[in-house]
């Protein structure tokens, strides 16, 4: 099996939300929320769900653009 994700490092959902708001031009302050604050009973989630893309690189695949670039292209596509 292969895992394919964008380049740009490991981020949290908080980091992702902050970047969405920033790129969309909002000044809204995004606050981080811990699992304890959100509630463990909502949905079971692994603490670390990072994907290893090593096999793709070994097979000679070109890395994907950064997640920030992918987000910018998506926001442009939907009109932001």
Protein backbone atom coordinates (compact mmCIF):
# COMPACT_ATOMS: atom_id res chain seq x y z
CA UNK A 1 0.00 0.00 0.00
CA UNK A 2 1.05 3.57 -0.64
CA UNK A 3 0.18 6.71 1.28
CA UNK A 4 0.05 9.97 -0.64
CA UNK A 5 -0.16 13.29 1.15
CA UNK A 6 1.01 16.76 0.31
CA UNK A 7 4.42 18.01 1.34
CA UNK A 8 4.82 20.72 3.97
CA UNK A 9 5.37 18.85 7.19
CA UNK A 10 3.15 17.49 9.90
CA UNK A 11 0.33 19.75 11.06
CA UNK A 12 -2.59 19.60 13.46
CA UNK A 13 -6.23 20.28 12.64
CA UNK A 14 -5.67 23.59 14.45
CA UNK A 15 -2.79 24.49 12.09
CA UNK A 16 -4.93 23.53 9.12
CA UNK A 17 -7.90 25.62 10.29
CA UNK A 18 -5.64 28.64 10.96
CA UNK A 19 -4.22 28.44 7.44
CA UNK A 20 -7.68 28.13 5.88
CA UNK A 21 -8.83 31.30 7.63
CA UNK A 22 -5.59 33.13 6.79
CA UNK A 23 -5.67 32.25 3.10
CA UNK A 24 -9.38 33.07 2.88
CA UNK A 25 -8.59 36.54 4.20
CA UNK A 26 -10.39 36.28 7.53
CA UNK A 27 -9.06 37.98 10.65
CA UNK A 28 -10.90 35.55 12.93
CA UNK A 29 -8.78 34.19 15.77
CA UNK A 30 -8.71 30.40 15.67
CA UNK A 31 -8.23 28.76 19.06
CA UNK A 32 -6.73 25.32 19.61
CA UNK A 33 -8.88 22.73 21.39
CA UNK A 34 -7.46 19.72 23.18
CA UNK A 35 -8.94 16.26 22.87
CA UNK A 36 -9.97 16.50 26.52
CA UNK A 37 -11.83 19.78 25.87
CA UNK A 38 -13.53 18.46 22.73
CA UNK A 39 -14.44 15.17 24.32
CA UNK A 40 -13.09 11.71 23.75
CA UNK A 41 -16.58 10.27 23.34
CA UNK A 42 -17.23 12.11 20.05
CA UNK A 43 -15.21 9.74 17.86
CA UNK A 44 -12.24 7.52 18.53
CA UNK A 45 -9.17 9.01 16.89
CA UNK A 46 -5.57 7.85 17.02
CA UNK A 47 -3.17 10.23 18.74
CA UNK A 48 -0.78 10.03 15.80
CA UNK A 49 -2.21 9.42 12.34
CA UNK A 50 0.67 10.67 10.19
CA UNK A 51 1.22 8.83 6.93
CA UNK A 52 4.60 7.53 5.80
CA UNK A 53 5.22 8.46 2.16
CA UNK A 54 8.58 6.68 2.00
CA UNK A 55 7.39 3.92 -0.35
CA UNK A 56 6.25 6.50 -2.90
CA UNK A 57 9.65 8.15 -2.94
CA UNK A 58 11.38 4.77 -3.20
CA UNK A 59 9.19 3.94 -6.21
CA UNK A 60 10.25 7.17 -7.92
CA UNK A 61 7.04 9.15 -7.59
CA UNK A 62 7.35 12.94 -7.67
CA UNK A 63 6.36 14.52 -4.35
CA UNK A 64 3.05 16.37 -4.28
CA UNK A 65 2.98 20.18 -3.81
CA UNK A 66 2.80 21.54 -0.27
CA UNK A 67 -0.50 21.36 1.54
CA UNK A 68 -0.50 25.18 1.67
CA UNK A 69 -0.29 25.31 -2.13
CA UNK A 70 -3.03 22.69 -2.50
CA UNK A 71 -5.23 24.67 -0.11
CA UNK A 72 -4.63 27.91 -2.05
CA UNK A 73 -5.59 26.21 -5.32
CA UNK A 74 -8.72 24.74 -3.71
CA UNK A 75 -9.81 28.09 -2.27
CA UNK A 76 -9.27 29.72 -5.66
CA UNK A 77 -11.35 26.98 -7.29
CA UNK A 78 -14.30 27.65 -4.96
CA UNK A 79 -14.04 31.42 -5.33
CA UNK A 80 -11.93 32.67 -2.41
